[in-house]
Structure formats: structure tokens, C-alpha cells
């Protein structure tokens, strides 16, 4: 299920939905698949979303992980990254918006 193309397709789908469409993220991203067991996904400058096929194996988890990394992408574009692990107030406010729109629990995001 997790391929470079599926990550890009999930990104495109989410990019057209609220609140992502208001964020004006770029249409295209680079995507990577990893076997890392220490993280579900990551975002790297300038526009790379990586998803771990060793940690993410359910569709809901996959789409939520892509969305999570999109929040980091937006956070980076807004120059609001702060210190690792980057889950600061800005991230939390954006994550709250995403979870409200998608009907997800913030505790799982």
C-alpha cells in the first residue's frame, strides 16, 4: 500500500480539503518510503514526505500520517518549526484544525 505514488496521491487528496487548501501548499512533493521502526513518518526540507511501511500498515493510519507530515510542511513554510520534535503551539493549533475537519482524535494525530 505504501509507495511513493500512494504518498503523493494522498498528499494531493488532502491538499484539496480543508484546512489544507487554505494553506496553499505546493502541488508537487517528493515522497520516500522507509522501513524505519522508530517513526511513522517525517518531513524534510524542502518538500519531502517520508512514510515508514514498517510502522504504517492501515489505511486510516496512512492518511493520518501523511496529514501529520503536511502540518509539519506548513509549519516549515510558515517558519514556525521551533525545536525538535517540532510539536509546538503552532503545530498543535494546526493539528487541532485538521483533526476537527477530518473527525480525528487529536490524541491519535
C-alpha atoms as a PDB file:
ATOM      1  CA  UNK A   1       0.000   0.000   0.000  1.00  0.00           C
ATOM      2  CA  UNK A   2       2.756   2.472   0.832  1.00  0.00           C
ATOM      3  CA  UNK A   3       4.579   3.594  -2.265  1.00  0.00           C
ATOM      4  CA  UNK A   4       6.000   6.878  -3.432  1.00  0.00           C
ATOM      5  CA  UNK A   5       2.933   7.295  -5.652  1.00  0.00           C
ATOM      6  CA  UNK A   6       0.431   6.475  -2.882  1.00  0.00           C
ATOM      7  CA  UNK A   7       2.063   9.105  -0.648  1.00  0.00           C
ATOM      8  CA  UNK A   8       1.872  11.669  -3.447  1.00  0.00           C
ATOM      9  CA  UNK A   9      -1.756  10.724  -4.177  1.00  0.00           C
ATOM     10  CA  UNK A  10      -2.721  11.024  -0.503  1.00  0.00           C
ATOM     11  CA  UNK A  11      -0.996  14.423  -0.373  1.00  0.00           C
ATOM     12  CA  UNK A  12      -2.927  15.585  -3.458  1.00  0.00           C
ATOM     13  CA  UNK A  13      -6.235  14.394  -1.990  1.00  0.00           C
ATOM     14  CA  UNK A  14      -5.652  16.086   1.361  1.00  0.00           C
ATOM     15  CA  UNK A  15      -4.286  19.258  -0.279  1.00  0.00           C
ATOM     16  CA  UNK A  16      -7.723  19.812  -1.817  1.00  0.00           C
ATOM     17  CA  UNK A  17      -9.501  19.585   1.533  1.00  0.00           C
ATOM     18  CA  UNK A  18      -9.892  21.991   4.446  1.00  0.00           C
ATOM     19  CA  UNK A  19      -7.845  23.233   6.148  1.00  0.00           C
ATOM     20  CA  UNK A  20      -5.015  22.231   3.783  1.00  0.00           C
ATOM     21  CA  UNK A  21      -6.370  24.047   0.743  1.00  0.00           C
ATOM     22  CA  UNK A  22      -6.225  27.344   2.630  1.00  0.00           C
ATOM     23  CA  UNK A  23      -2.542  26.730   3.367  1.00  0.00           C
ATOM     24  CA  UNK A  24      -1.581  26.895  -0.322  1.00  0.00           C
ATOM     25  CA  UNK A  25       0.966  24.086  -0.130  1.00  0.00           C
ATOM     26  CA  UNK A  26       2.809  23.300  -3.382  1.00  0.00           C
ATOM     27  CA  UNK A  27       1.064  20.962  -5.821  1.00  0.00           C
ATOM     28  CA  UNK A  28       4.002  18.567  -6.008  1.00  0.00           C
ATOM     29  CA  UNK A  29       6.108  16.902  -3.357  1.00  0.00           C
ATOM     30  CA  UNK A  30       8.831  14.324  -3.259  1.00  0.00           C
ATOM     31  CA  UNK A  31       7.948  11.164  -1.389  1.00  0.00           C
ATOM     32  CA  UNK A  32      10.007   8.411   0.160  1.00  0.00           C
ATOM     33  CA  UNK A  33       9.207   5.044   1.680  1.00  0.00           C
ATOM     34  CA  UNK A  34      11.312   3.695   4.510  1.00  0.00           C
ATOM     35  CA  UNK A  35      11.487   0.623   6.745  1.00  0.00           C
ATOM     36  CA  UNK A  36      12.303   2.671   9.852  1.00  0.00           C
ATOM     37  CA  UNK A  37      10.696   1.379  13.015  1.00  0.00           C
ATOM     38  CA  UNK A  38      11.387   4.461  15.136  1.00  0.00           C
ATOM     39  CA  UNK A  39       8.892   6.793  13.394  1.00  0.00           C
ATOM     40  CA  UNK A  40       5.698   6.692  11.366  1.00  0.00           C
ATOM     41  CA  UNK A  41       6.719   9.466   9.023  1.00  0.00           C
ATOM     42  CA  UNK A  42       8.786  12.570   8.627  1.00  0.00           C
ATOM     43  CA  UNK A  43       9.022  15.807   6.712  1.00  0.00           C
ATOM     44  CA  UNK A  44      12.299  17.087   5.304  1.00  0.00           C
ATOM     45  CA  UNK A  45      13.072  20.387   3.611  1.00  0.00           C
ATOM     46  CA  UNK A  46      12.271  21.439   1.031  1.00  0.00           C
ATOM     47  CA  UNK A  47       9.268  19.207   0.287  1.00  0.00           C
ATOM     48  CA  UNK A  48       9.867  15.538   1.134  1.00  0.00           C
ATOM     49  CA  UNK A  49       7.331  13.412   2.985  1.00  0.00           C
ATOM     50  CA  UNK A  50       8.579  10.016   4.118  1.00  0.00           C
ATOM     51  CA  UNK A  51       6.324   7.253   5.423  1.00  0.00           C
ATOM     52  CA  UNK A  52       7.545   4.069   7.128  1.00  0.00           C
ATOM     53  CA  UNK A  53       5.986   0.878   5.787  1.00  0.00           C
ATOM     54  CA  UNK A  54       7.301  -0.872   8.908  1.00  0.00           C
ATOM     55  CA  UNK A  55       5.070   1.288  11.151  1.00  0.00           C
ATOM     56  CA  UNK A  56       2.125   2.242   8.941  1.00  0.00           C
ATOM     57  CA  UNK A  57       0.041  -0.587   7.529  1.00  0.00           C
ATOM     58  CA  UNK A  58      -3.592   0.501   7.861  1.00  0.00           C
ATOM     59  CA  UNK A  59      -5.213   2.995   5.502  1.00  0.00           C
ATOM     60  CA  UNK A  60      -6.555   5.284   8.240  1.00  0.00           C
ATOM     61  CA  UNK A  61      -3.133   5.380   9.850  1.00  0.00           C
ATOM     62  CA  UNK A  62      -1.529   6.072   6.461  1.00  0.00           C
ATOM     63  CA  UNK A  63      -3.759   9.033   5.559  1.00  0.00           C
ATOM     64  CA  UNK A  64      -3.447  10.458   9.077  1.00  0.00           C
ATOM     65  CA  UNK A  65       0.352  10.163   8.946  1.00  0.00           C
ATOM     66  CA  UNK A  66       0.502  11.976   5.596  1.00  0.00           C
ATOM     67  CA  UNK A  67      -1.735  14.693   7.060  1.00  0.00           C
ATOM     68  CA  UNK A  68       0.513  14.927  10.139  1.00  0.00           C
ATOM     69  CA  UNK A  69       3.553  15.465   7.932  1.00  0.00           C
ATOM     70  CA  UNK A  70       1.643  18.042   5.904  1.00  0.00           C
ATOM     71  CA  UNK A  71       1.173  20.021   9.105  1.00  0.00           C
ATOM     72  CA  UNK A  72       4.957  19.947   9.553  1.00  0.00           C
ATOM     73  CA  UNK A  73       5.328  21.030   5.910  1.00  0.00           C
ATOM     74  CA  UNK A  74       3.049  24.014   6.518  1.00  0.00           C
ATOM     75  CA  UNK A  75       4.813  24.731   9.795  1.00  0.00           C
ATOM     76  CA  UNK A  76       8.130  24.851   7.903  1.00  0.00           C
ATOM     77  CA  UNK A  77       6.773  27.140   5.179  1.00  0.00           C
ATOM     78  CA  UNK A  78       5.488  29.491   7.882  1.00  0.00           C
ATOM     79  CA  UNK A  79       8.897  29.419   9.600  1.00  0.00           C
ATOM     80  CA  UNK A  80       7.316  28.095  12.803  1.00  0.00           C
ATOM     81  CA  UNK A  81       9.327  24.890  13.270  1.00  0.00           C
ATOM     82  CA  UNK A  82      10.896  25.689  16.623  1.00  0.00           C
ATOM     83  CA  UNK A  83      12.879  22.908  18.287  1.00  0.00           C
ATOM     84  CA  UNK A  84      12.607  19.156  17.656  1.00  0.00           C
ATOM     85  CA  UNK A  85      10.280  17.311  17.746  1.00  0.00           C
ATOM     86  CA  UNK A  86       8.513  20.399  16.359  1.00  0.00           C
ATOM     87  CA  UNK A  87       5.199  19.740  18.121  1.00  0.00           C
ATOM     88  CA  UNK A  88       4.956  23.294  19.406  1.00  0.00           C
ATOM     89  CA  UNK A  89       1.956  25.570  19.857  1.00  0.00           C
ATOM     90  CA  UNK A  90       1.778  26.389  16.135  1.00  0.00           C
ATOM     91  CA  UNK A  91       1.790  22.690  15.233  1.00  0.00           C
ATOM     92  CA  UNK A  92      -0.844  21.910  17.869  1.00  0.00           C
ATOM     93  CA  UNK A  93      -3.166  24.665  16.611  1.00  0.00           C
ATOM     94  CA  UNK A  94      -2.869  23.424  13.016  1.00  0.00           C
ATOM     95  CA  UNK A  95      -3.290  19.804  14.103  1.00  0.00           C
ATOM     96  CA  UNK A  96      -6.435  20.771  16.009  1.00  0.00           C
ATOM     97  CA  UNK A  97      -7.883  22.303  12.811  1.00  0.00           C
ATOM     98  CA  UNK A  98      -7.042  19.194  10.788  1.00  0.00           C
ATOM     99  CA  UNK A  99      -8.499  16.819  13.366  1.00  0.00           C
ATOM    100  CA  UNK A 100     -11.694  18.862  13.632  1.00  0.00           C
ATOM    101  CA  UNK A 101     -12.192  18.840   9.840  1.00  0.00           C
ATOM    102  CA  UNK A 102     -11.329  15.146   9.454  1.00  0.00           C
ATOM    103  CA  UNK A 103     -13.116  13.890  12.553  1.00  0.00           C
ATOM    104  CA  UNK A 104      -9.903  12.503  14.075  1.00  0.00           C
ATOM    105  CA  UNK A 105      -8.930  12.384  17.733  1.00  0.00           C
ATOM    106  CA  UNK A 106      -6.095  14.786  18.470  1.00  0.00           C
ATOM    107  CA  UNK A 107      -4.544  12.221  20.781  1.00  0.00           C
ATOM    108  CA  UNK A 108      -4.048   9.879  17.811  1.00  0.00           C
ATOM    109  CA  UNK A 109      -2.728  12.558  15.470  1.00  0.00           C
END
